[in-house]
PDB file of all heavy atoms in Angstrom:
ATOM      1  N   GLU A   1      10.251  16.869 -16.931  1.00  0.00           N
ATOM      2  CA  GLU A   1      10.232  16.985 -15.483  1.00  0.00           C
ATOM      3  C   GLU A   1       9.068  16.301 -14.868  1.00  0.00           C
ATOM      4  O   GLU A   1       9.232  15.546 -13.949  1.00  0.00           O
ATOM      5  CB  GLU A   1      10.164  18.520 -15.209  1.00  0.00           C
ATOM      6  CG  GLU A   1      10.081  18.819 -13.745  1.00  0.00           C
ATOM      7  CD  GLU A   1       8.626  18.946 -13.202  1.00  0.00           C
ATOM      8  OE1 GLU A   1       7.746  19.491 -13.934  1.00  0.00           O
ATOM      9  OE2 GLU A   1       8.353  18.426 -12.170  1.00  0.00           O
ATOM     10  N   ARG A   2       7.882  16.403 -15.407  1.00  0.00           N
ATOM     11  CA  ARG A   2       6.735  15.814 -14.785  1.00  0.00           C
ATOM     12  C   ARG A   2       6.806  14.303 -14.965  1.00  0.00           C
ATOM     13  O   ARG A   2       6.513  13.563 -13.950  1.00  0.00           O
ATOM     14  CB  ARG A   2       5.465  16.377 -15.524  1.00  0.00           C
ATOM     15  CG  ARG A   2       4.091  15.815 -14.797  1.00  0.00           C
ATOM     16  CD  ARG A   2       4.096  16.277 -13.363  1.00  0.00           C
ATOM     17  NE  ARG A   2       2.929  15.656 -12.639  1.00  0.00           N
ATOM     18  CZ  ARG A   2       2.665  15.901 -11.418  1.00  0.00           C
ATOM     19  NH1 ARG A   2       3.318  16.741 -10.778  1.00  0.00           N
ATOM     20  NH2 ARG A   2       1.606  15.254 -10.852  1.00  0.00           N
ATOM     21  N   PRO A   3       7.212  13.757 -16.164  1.00  0.00           N
ATOM     22  CA  PRO A   3       7.376  12.323 -16.287  1.00  0.00           C
ATOM     23  C   PRO A   3       8.358  11.698 -15.185  1.00  0.00           C
ATOM     24  O   PRO A   3       8.142  10.678 -14.724  1.00  0.00           O
ATOM     25  CB  PRO A   3       7.853  12.155 -17.684  1.00  0.00           C
ATOM     26  CG  PRO A   3       7.247  13.295 -18.473  1.00  0.00           C
ATOM     27  CD  PRO A   3       7.284  14.454 -17.438  1.00  0.00           C
ATOM     28  N   THR A   4       9.353  12.606 -14.875  1.00  0.00           N
ATOM     29  CA  THR A   4      10.372  12.066 -13.940  1.00  0.00           C
ATOM     30  C   THR A   4       9.677  11.977 -12.535  1.00  0.00           C
ATOM     31  O   THR A   4       9.980  10.977 -11.766  1.00  0.00           O
ATOM     32  CB  THR A   4      11.613  13.094 -13.858  1.00  0.00           C
ATOM     33  OG1 THR A   4      12.197  13.126 -15.181  1.00  0.00           O
ATOM     34  CG2 THR A   4      12.477  12.641 -12.794  1.00  0.00           C
ATOM     35  N   TYR A   5       8.779  13.031 -12.217  1.00  0.00           N
ATOM     36  CA  TYR A   5       8.071  12.840 -10.925  1.00  0.00           C
ATOM     37  C   TYR A   5       7.256  11.569 -10.949  1.00  0.00           C
ATOM     38  O   TYR A   5       7.192  10.904  -9.943  1.00  0.00           O
ATOM     39  CB  TYR A   5       7.272  14.084 -10.770  1.00  0.00           C
ATOM     40  CG  TYR A   5       6.315  14.088  -9.571  1.00  0.00           C
ATOM     41  CD1 TYR A   5       6.777  14.550  -8.333  1.00  0.00           C
ATOM     42  CD2 TYR A   5       5.056  13.489  -9.698  1.00  0.00           C
ATOM     43  CE1 TYR A   5       5.936  14.492  -7.215  1.00  0.00           C
ATOM     44  CE2 TYR A   5       4.171  13.422  -8.553  1.00  0.00           C
ATOM     45  CZ  TYR A   5       4.613  13.976  -7.379  1.00  0.00           C
ATOM     46  OH  TYR A   5       3.864  13.912  -6.213  1.00  0.00           O
ATOM     47  N   VAL A   6       6.558  11.411 -12.081  1.00  0.00           N
ATOM     48  CA  VAL A   6       5.603  10.271 -12.262  1.00  0.00           C
ATOM     49  C   VAL A   6       6.456   8.868 -12.106  1.00  0.00           C
ATOM     50  O   VAL A   6       5.988   8.032 -11.374  1.00  0.00           O
ATOM     51  CB  VAL A   6       4.810  10.236 -13.454  1.00  0.00           C
ATOM     52  CG1 VAL A   6       4.001   9.010 -13.681  1.00  0.00           C
ATOM     53  CG2 VAL A   6       3.911  11.442 -13.447  1.00  0.00           C
ATOM     54  N   LEU A   7       7.503   8.853 -12.708  1.00  0.00           N
ATOM     55  CA  LEU A   7       8.360   7.627 -12.665  1.00  0.00           C
ATOM     56  C   LEU A   7       8.832   7.386 -11.249  1.00  0.00           C
ATOM     57  O   LEU A   7       8.758   6.227 -10.821  1.00  0.00           O
ATOM     58  CB  LEU A   7       9.592   7.896 -13.612  1.00  0.00           C
ATOM     59  CG  LEU A   7      10.727   6.804 -13.574  1.00  0.00           C
ATOM     60  CD1 LEU A   7      10.162   5.472 -14.122  1.00  0.00           C
ATOM     61  CD2 LEU A   7      11.950   7.281 -14.301  1.00  0.00           C
ATOM     62  N   ILE A   8       9.365   8.366 -10.545  1.00  0.00           N
ATOM     63  CA  ILE A   8       9.833   8.107  -9.187  1.00  0.00           C
ATOM     64  C   ILE A   8       8.734   7.869  -8.298  1.00  0.00           C
ATOM     65  O   ILE A   8       8.804   6.981  -7.352  1.00  0.00           O
ATOM     66  CB  ILE A   8      10.693   9.365  -8.773  1.00  0.00           C
ATOM     67  CG1 ILE A   8      12.003   9.501  -9.640  1.00  0.00           C
ATOM     68  CG2 ILE A   8      11.035   9.220  -7.317  1.00  0.00           C
ATOM     69  CD1 ILE A   8      12.801  10.612  -9.298  1.00  0.00           C
ATOM     70  N   ALA A   9       7.589   8.469  -8.544  1.00  0.00           N
ATOM     71  CA  ALA A   9       6.386   8.088  -7.763  1.00  0.00           C
ATOM     72  C   ALA A   9       6.055   6.700  -7.888  1.00  0.00           C
ATOM     73  O   ALA A   9       5.716   5.969  -6.852  1.00  0.00           O
ATOM     74  CB  ALA A   9       5.271   9.081  -8.047  1.00  0.00           C
ATOM     75  N   GLY A  10       6.043   6.248  -9.065  1.00  0.00           N
ATOM     76  CA  GLY A  10       5.725   4.838  -9.312  1.00  0.00           C
ATOM     77  C   GLY A  10       6.747   3.843  -8.768  1.00  0.00           C
ATOM     78  O   GLY A  10       6.340   2.860  -8.025  1.00  0.00           O
ATOM     79  N   VAL A  11       8.007   4.087  -8.907  1.00  0.00           N
ATOM     80  CA  VAL A  11       9.039   3.279  -8.369  1.00  0.00           C
ATOM     81  C   VAL A  11       9.008   3.147  -6.820  1.00  0.00           C
ATOM     82  O   VAL A  11       9.015   2.094  -6.216  1.00  0.00           O
ATOM     83  CB  VAL A  11      10.409   3.659  -8.839  1.00  0.00           C
ATOM     84  CG1 VAL A  11      11.570   2.898  -8.097  1.00  0.00           C
ATOM     85  CG2 VAL A  11      10.619   3.418 -10.331  1.00  0.00           C
ATOM     86  N   THR A  12       8.870   4.345  -6.198  1.00  0.00           N
ATOM     87  CA  THR A  12       8.882   4.484  -4.760  1.00  0.00           C
ATOM     88  C   THR A  12       7.576   3.785  -4.201  1.00  0.00           C
ATOM     89  O   THR A  12       7.621   3.241  -3.075  1.00  0.00           O
ATOM     90  CB  THR A  12       8.977   5.930  -4.289  1.00  0.00           C
ATOM     91  OG1 THR A  12       7.959   6.685  -4.836  1.00  0.00           O
ATOM     92  CG2 THR A  12      10.393   6.446  -4.579  1.00  0.00           C
ATOM     93  N   SER A  13       6.437   3.870  -4.957  1.00  0.00           N
ATOM     94  CA  SER A  13       5.217   3.159  -4.475  1.00  0.00           C
ATOM     95  C   SER A  13       5.358   1.698  -4.493  1.00  0.00           C
ATOM     96  O   SER A  13       4.964   0.956  -3.548  1.00  0.00           O
ATOM     97  CB  SER A  13       4.025   3.659  -5.267  1.00  0.00           C
ATOM     98  OG  SER A  13       3.799   5.099  -5.113  1.00  0.00           O
ATOM     99  N   ILE A  14       5.997   1.159  -5.518  1.00  0.00           N
ATOM    100  CA  ILE A  14       6.245  -0.263  -5.562  1.00  0.00           C
ATOM    101  C   ILE A  14       7.213  -0.727  -4.467  1.00  0.00           C
ATOM    102  O   ILE A  14       7.049  -1.747  -3.806  1.00  0.00           O
ATOM    103  CB  ILE A  14       6.822  -0.642  -6.943  1.00  0.00           C
ATOM    104  CG1 ILE A  14       5.680  -0.374  -8.028  1.00  0.00           C
ATOM    105  CG2 ILE A  14       7.287  -2.143  -6.961  1.00  0.00           C
ATOM    106  CD1 ILE A  14       6.221  -0.560  -9.502  1.00  0.00           C
ATOM    107  N   LEU A  15       8.287   0.105  -4.313  1.00  0.00           N
ATOM    108  CA  LEU A  15       9.155  -0.215  -3.208  1.00  0.00           C
ATOM    109  C   LEU A  15       8.517  -0.181  -1.758  1.00  0.00           C
ATOM    110  O   LEU A  15       8.816  -0.926  -0.904  1.00  0.00           O
ATOM    111  CB  LEU A  15      10.337   0.675  -3.209  1.00  0.00           C
ATOM    112  CG  LEU A  15      11.332   0.483  -4.445  1.00  0.00           C
ATOM    113  CD1 LEU A  15      12.343   1.563  -4.474  1.00  0.00           C
ATOM    114  CD2 LEU A  15      11.916  -0.907  -4.379  1.00  0.00           C
ATOM    115  N   LEU A  16       7.580   0.790  -1.677  1.00  0.00           N
ATOM    116  CA  LEU A  16       6.931   1.004  -0.435  1.00  0.00           C
ATOM    117  C   LEU A  16       6.211  -0.361  -0.001  1.00  0.00           C
ATOM    118  O   LEU A  16       6.275  -0.798   1.083  1.00  0.00           O
ATOM    119  CB  LEU A  16       5.935   2.170  -0.473  1.00  0.00           C
ATOM    120  CG  LEU A  16       5.138   2.441   0.775  1.00  0.00           C
ATOM    121  CD1 LEU A  16       5.793   3.018   1.924  1.00  0.00           C
ATOM    122  CD2 LEU A  16       3.868   3.311   0.427  1.00  0.00           C
ATOM    123  N   VAL A  17       5.392  -0.776  -0.971  1.00  0.00           N
ATOM    124  CA  VAL A  17       4.596  -2.002  -0.676  1.00  0.00           C
ATOM    125  C   VAL A  17       5.519  -3.209  -0.659  1.00  0.00           C
ATOM    126  O   VAL A  17       5.462  -4.118   0.253  1.00  0.00           O
ATOM    127  CB  VAL A  17       3.556  -2.237  -1.820  1.00  0.00           C
ATOM    128  CG1 VAL A  17       2.769  -3.531  -1.686  1.00  0.00           C
ATOM    129  CG2 VAL A  17       2.555  -1.054  -1.806  1.00  0.00           C
ATOM    130  N   GLY A  18       6.514  -3.238  -1.505  1.00  0.00           N
ATOM    131  CA  GLY A  18       7.484  -4.427  -1.595  1.00  0.00           C
ATOM    132  C   GLY A  18       8.299  -4.534  -0.330  1.00  0.00           C
ATOM    133  O   GLY A  18       8.758  -5.620   0.018  1.00  0.00           O
ATOM    134  N   CYS A  19       8.591  -3.464   0.375  1.00  0.00           N
ATOM    135  CA  CYS A  19       9.473  -3.587   1.573  1.00  0.00           C
ATOM    136  C   CYS A  19       8.670  -3.416   2.869  1.00  0.00           C
ATOM    137  O   CYS A  19       9.225  -3.316   3.988  1.00  0.00           O
ATOM    138  CB  CYS A  19      10.478  -2.432   1.524  1.00  0.00           C
ATOM    139  SG  CYS A  19      11.661  -2.581   0.100  1.00  0.00           S
ATOM    140  N   TRP A  20       7.360  -3.296   2.739  1.00  0.00           N
ATOM    141  CA  TRP A  20       6.533  -3.162   3.932  1.00  0.00           C
ATOM    142  C   TRP A  20       6.557  -4.328   4.823  1.00  0.00           C
ATOM    143  O   TRP A  20       6.700  -5.538   4.312  1.00  0.00           O
ATOM    144  CB  TRP A  20       5.050  -2.934   3.529  1.00  0.00           C
ATOM    145  CG  TRP A  20       4.187  -2.361   4.521  1.00  0.00           C
ATOM    146  CD1 TRP A  20       3.258  -2.957   5.324  1.00  0.00           C
ATOM    147  CD2 TRP A  20       4.054  -0.941   4.859  1.00  0.00           C
ATOM    148  NE1 TRP A  20       2.650  -2.013   6.157  1.00  0.00           N
ATOM    149  CE2 TRP A  20       3.178  -0.760   5.847  1.00  0.00           C
ATOM    150  CE3 TRP A  20       4.791   0.283   4.425  1.00  0.00           C
ATOM    151  CZ2 TRP A  20       2.787   0.460   6.388  1.00  0.00           C
ATOM    152  CZ3 TRP A  20       4.413   1.407   4.914  1.00  0.00           C
ATOM    153  CH2 TRP A  20       3.510   1.577   5.934  1.00  0.00           C
ATOM    154  N   GLN A  21       6.603  -4.147   6.145  1.00  0.00           N
ATOM    155  CA  GLN A  21       6.575  -5.274   7.126  1.00  0.00           C
ATOM    156  C   GLN A  21       5.348  -5.455   7.850  1.00  0.00           C
ATOM    157  O   GLN A  21       4.526  -4.510   8.042  1.00  0.00           O
ATOM    158  CB  GLN A  21       7.706  -4.941   8.202  1.00  0.00           C
ATOM    159  CG  GLN A  21       9.097  -4.836   7.608  1.00  0.00           C
ATOM    160  CD  GLN A  21       9.664  -6.135   7.145  1.00  0.00           C
ATOM    161  OE1 GLN A  21       9.971  -7.069   7.876  1.00  0.00           O
ATOM    162  NE2 GLN A  21       9.835  -6.270   5.831  1.00  0.00           N
ATOM    163  N   SER A  22       4.915  -6.618   7.967  1.00  0.00           N
ATOM    164  CA  SER A  22       3.729  -7.056   8.712  1.00  0.00           C
ATOM    165  C   SER A  22       3.710  -6.723  10.124  1.00  0.00           C
ATOM    166  O   SER A  22       4.688  -6.783  10.797  1.00  0.00           O
ATOM    167  CB  SER A  22       3.410  -8.529   8.585  1.00  0.00           C
ATOM    168  OG  SER A  22       3.209  -8.894   7.194  1.00  0.00           O
ATOM    169  N   VAL A  23       2.548  -6.135  10.620  1.00  0.00           N
ATOM    170  CA  VAL A  23       2.400  -5.805  11.987  1.00  0.00           C
ATOM    171  C   VAL A  23       1.228  -6.683  12.541  1.00  0.00           C
ATOM    172  O   VAL A  23       0.186  -6.703  11.978  1.00  0.00           O
ATOM    173  CB  VAL A  23       1.915  -4.297  12.199  1.00  0.00           C
ATOM    174  CG1 VAL A  23       1.708  -4.042  13.702  1.00  0.00           C
ATOM    175  CG2 VAL A  23       3.048  -3.413  11.604  1.00  0.00           C
ATOM    176  N   PRO A  24       1.486  -7.482  13.560  1.00  0.00           N
ATOM    177  CA  PRO A  24       0.408  -8.438  14.058  1.00  0.00           C
ATOM    178  C   PRO A  24      -0.781  -7.648  14.614  1.00  0.00           C
ATOM    179  O   PRO A  24      -0.619  -6.699  15.107  1.00  0.00           O
ATOM    180  CB  PRO A  24       1.124  -9.268  15.148  1.00  0.00           C
ATOM    181  CG  PRO A  24       2.304  -8.355  15.482  1.00  0.00           C
ATOM    182  CD  PRO A  24       2.700  -7.583  14.337  1.00  0.00           C
ATOM    183  N   GLY A  25      -1.911  -8.340  14.410  1.00  0.00           N
ATOM    184  CA  GLY A  25      -3.182  -7.840  14.931  1.00  0.00           C
ATOM    185  C   GLY A  25      -4.231  -7.497  13.972  1.00  0.00           C
ATOM    186  O   GLY A  25      -3.857  -7.194  12.734  1.00  0.00           O
ATOM    187  N   VAL A  26      -5.439  -7.441  14.332  1.00  0.00           N
ATOM    188  CA  VAL A  26      -6.599  -7.020  13.534  1.00  0.00           C
ATOM    189  C   VAL A  26      -7.359  -5.929  14.325  1.00  0.00           C
ATOM    190  O   VAL A  26      -7.693  -6.145  15.527  1.00  0.00           O
ATOM    191  CB  VAL A  26      -7.427  -8.146  13.202  1.00  0.00           C
ATOM    192  CG1 VAL A  26      -8.694  -7.633  12.381  1.00  0.00           C
ATOM    193  CG2 VAL A  26      -6.809  -9.300  12.438  1.00  0.00           C
ATOM    194  N   VAL A  27      -7.602  -4.768  13.664  1.00  0.00           N
ATOM    195  CA  VAL A  27      -8.249  -3.651  14.305  1.00  0.00           C
ATOM    196  C   VAL A  27      -9.820  -3.880  14.264  1.00  0.00           C
ATOM    197  O   VAL A  27     -10.506  -3.695  15.216  1.00  0.00           O
ATOM    198  CB  VAL A  27      -7.817  -2.378  13.738  1.00  0.00           C
ATOM    199  CG1 VAL A  27      -8.503  -1.218  14.454  1.00  0.00           C
ATOM    200  CG2 VAL A  27      -6.320  -2.218  13.762  1.00  0.00           C
ATOM    201  N   TRP A  28     -10.221  -4.115  13.054  1.00  0.00           N
ATOM    202  CA  TRP A  28     -11.648  -4.548  12.888  1.00  0.00           C
ATOM    203  C   TRP A  28     -11.752  -5.526  11.741  1.00  0.00           C
ATOM    204  O   TRP A  28     -11.001  -5.487  10.850  1.00  0.00           O
ATOM    205  CB  TRP A  28     -12.516  -3.291  12.685  1.00  0.00           C
ATOM    206  CG  TRP A  28     -12.424  -2.605  11.446  1.00  0.00           C
ATOM    207  CD1 TRP A  28     -12.741  -3.072  10.235  1.00  0.00           C
ATOM    208  CD2 TRP A  28     -11.898  -1.288  11.109  1.00  0.00           C
ATOM    209  NE1 TRP A  28     -12.520  -2.138   9.192  1.00  0.00           N
ATOM    210  CE2 TRP A  28     -12.037  -1.068   9.786  1.00  0.00           C
ATOM    211  CE3 TRP A  28     -11.350  -0.320  11.896  1.00  0.00           C
ATOM    212  CZ2 TRP A  28     -11.619   0.133   9.149  1.00  0.00           C
ATOM    213  CZ3 TRP A  28     -10.954   0.894  11.387  1.00  0.00           C
ATOM    214  CH2 TRP A  28     -11.078   1.026  10.009  1.00  0.00           C
ATOM    215  N   SER A  29     -12.913  -6.266  11.816  1.00  0.00           N
ATOM    216  CA  SER A  29     -13.213  -7.183  10.727  1.00  0.00           C
ATOM    217  C   SER A  29     -14.654  -7.295  10.675  1.00  0.00           C
ATOM    218  O   SER A  29     -15.394  -7.552  11.652  1.00  0.00           O
ATOM    219  CB  SER A  29     -12.598  -8.540  11.114  1.00  0.00           C
ATOM    220  OG  SER A  29     -12.895  -9.492  10.011  1.00  0.00           O
ATOM    221  N   VAL A  30     -15.217  -6.964   9.445  1.00  0.00           N
ATOM    222  CA  VAL A  30     -16.699  -7.093   9.189  1.00  0.00           C
ATOM    223  C   VAL A  30     -17.047  -8.442   8.667  1.00  0.00           C
ATOM    224  O   VAL A  30     -16.637  -8.873   7.597  1.00  0.00           O
ATOM    225  CB  VAL A  30     -17.071  -5.982   8.207  1.00  0.00           C
ATOM    226  CG1 VAL A  30     -18.680  -6.068   7.873  1.00  0.00           C
ATOM    227  CG2 VAL A  30     -16.706  -4.632   8.685  1.00  0.00           C
ATOM    228  N   HIS A  31     -17.713  -9.250   9.445  1.00  0.00           N
ATOM    229  CA  HIS A  31     -18.023 -10.641   9.105  1.00  0.00           C
ATOM    230  C   HIS A  31     -19.302 -10.731   8.264  1.00  0.00           C
ATOM    231  O   HIS A  31     -19.561 -11.772   7.567  1.00  0.00           O
ATOM    232  CB  HIS A  31     -18.094 -11.451  10.336  1.00  0.00           C
ATOM    233  CG  HIS A  31     -16.898 -11.512  11.109  1.00  0.00           C
ATOM    234  ND1 HIS A  31     -15.692 -12.112  10.666  1.00  0.00           N
ATOM    235  CD2 HIS A  31     -16.479 -10.953  12.423  1.00  0.00           C
ATOM    236  CE1 HIS A  31     -14.695 -12.107  11.568  1.00  0.00           C
ATOM    237  NE2 HIS A  31     -15.185 -11.308  12.529  1.00  0.00           N
ATOM    238  N   SER A  32     -20.152  -9.759   8.379  1.00  0.00           N
ATOM    239  CA  SER A  32     -21.358  -9.694   7.618  1.00  0.00           C
ATOM    240  C   SER A  32     -21.056  -9.591   6.096  1.00  0.00           C
ATOM    241  O   SER A  32     -20.393  -8.630   5.777  1.00  0.00           O
ATOM    242  CB  SER A  32     -22.378  -8.621   8.044  1.00  0.00           C
ATOM    243  OG  SER A  32     -23.339  -8.299   7.152  1.00  0.00           O
ATOM    244  N   GLU A  33     -21.595 -10.448   5.371  1.00  0.00           N
ATOM    245  CA  GLU A  33     -21.350 -10.353   3.863  1.00  0.00           C
ATOM    246  C   GLU A  33     -21.890  -9.123   3.297  1.00  0.00           C
ATOM    247  O   GLU A  33     -21.206  -8.434   2.496  1.00  0.00           O
ATOM    248  CB  GLU A  33     -21.927 -11.619   3.207  1.00  0.00           C
ATOM    249  CG  GLU A  33     -21.530 -11.683   1.710  1.00  0.00           C
ATOM    250  CD  GLU A  33     -21.969 -12.946   0.955  1.00  0.00           C
ATOM    251  OE1 GLU A  33     -22.426 -13.852   1.688  1.00  0.00           O
ATOM    252  OE2 GLU A  33     -21.834 -12.965  -0.243  1.00  0.00           O
ATOM    253  N   PRO A  34     -23.132  -8.695   3.594  1.00  0.00           N
ATOM    254  CA  PRO A  34     -23.572  -7.462   2.944  1.00  0.00           C
ATOM    255  C   PRO A  34     -22.790  -6.254   3.467  1.00  0.00           C
ATOM    256  O   PRO A  34     -22.426  -5.295   2.669  1.00  0.00           O
ATOM    257  CB  PRO A  34     -25.039  -7.363   3.481  1.00  0.00           C
ATOM    258  CG  PRO A  34     -25.417  -8.752   3.834  1.00  0.00           C
ATOM    259  CD  PRO A  34     -24.211  -9.408   4.222  1.00  0.00           C
ATOM    260  N   GLY A  35     -22.314  -6.272   4.713  1.00  0.00           N
ATOM    261  CA  GLY A  35     -21.465  -5.168   5.195  1.00  0.00           C
ATOM    262  C   GLY A  35     -20.174  -5.105   4.448  1.00  0.00           C
ATOM    263  O   GLY A  35     -19.636  -4.044   4.255  1.00  0.00           O
TER     264      GLY A  35
END
C-alpha cells in the first residue's frame, strides 16, 4: 500500500513538471551575486 502511494506520487510529480505551462513575467530577480 505505501509503495503504491510513493509510486503514484512520483509519477504524478514527473507529470506535473512535464505538463506545466510557462506563464510570462518575472516577479523578482536578485542580481547581486552574494544575494
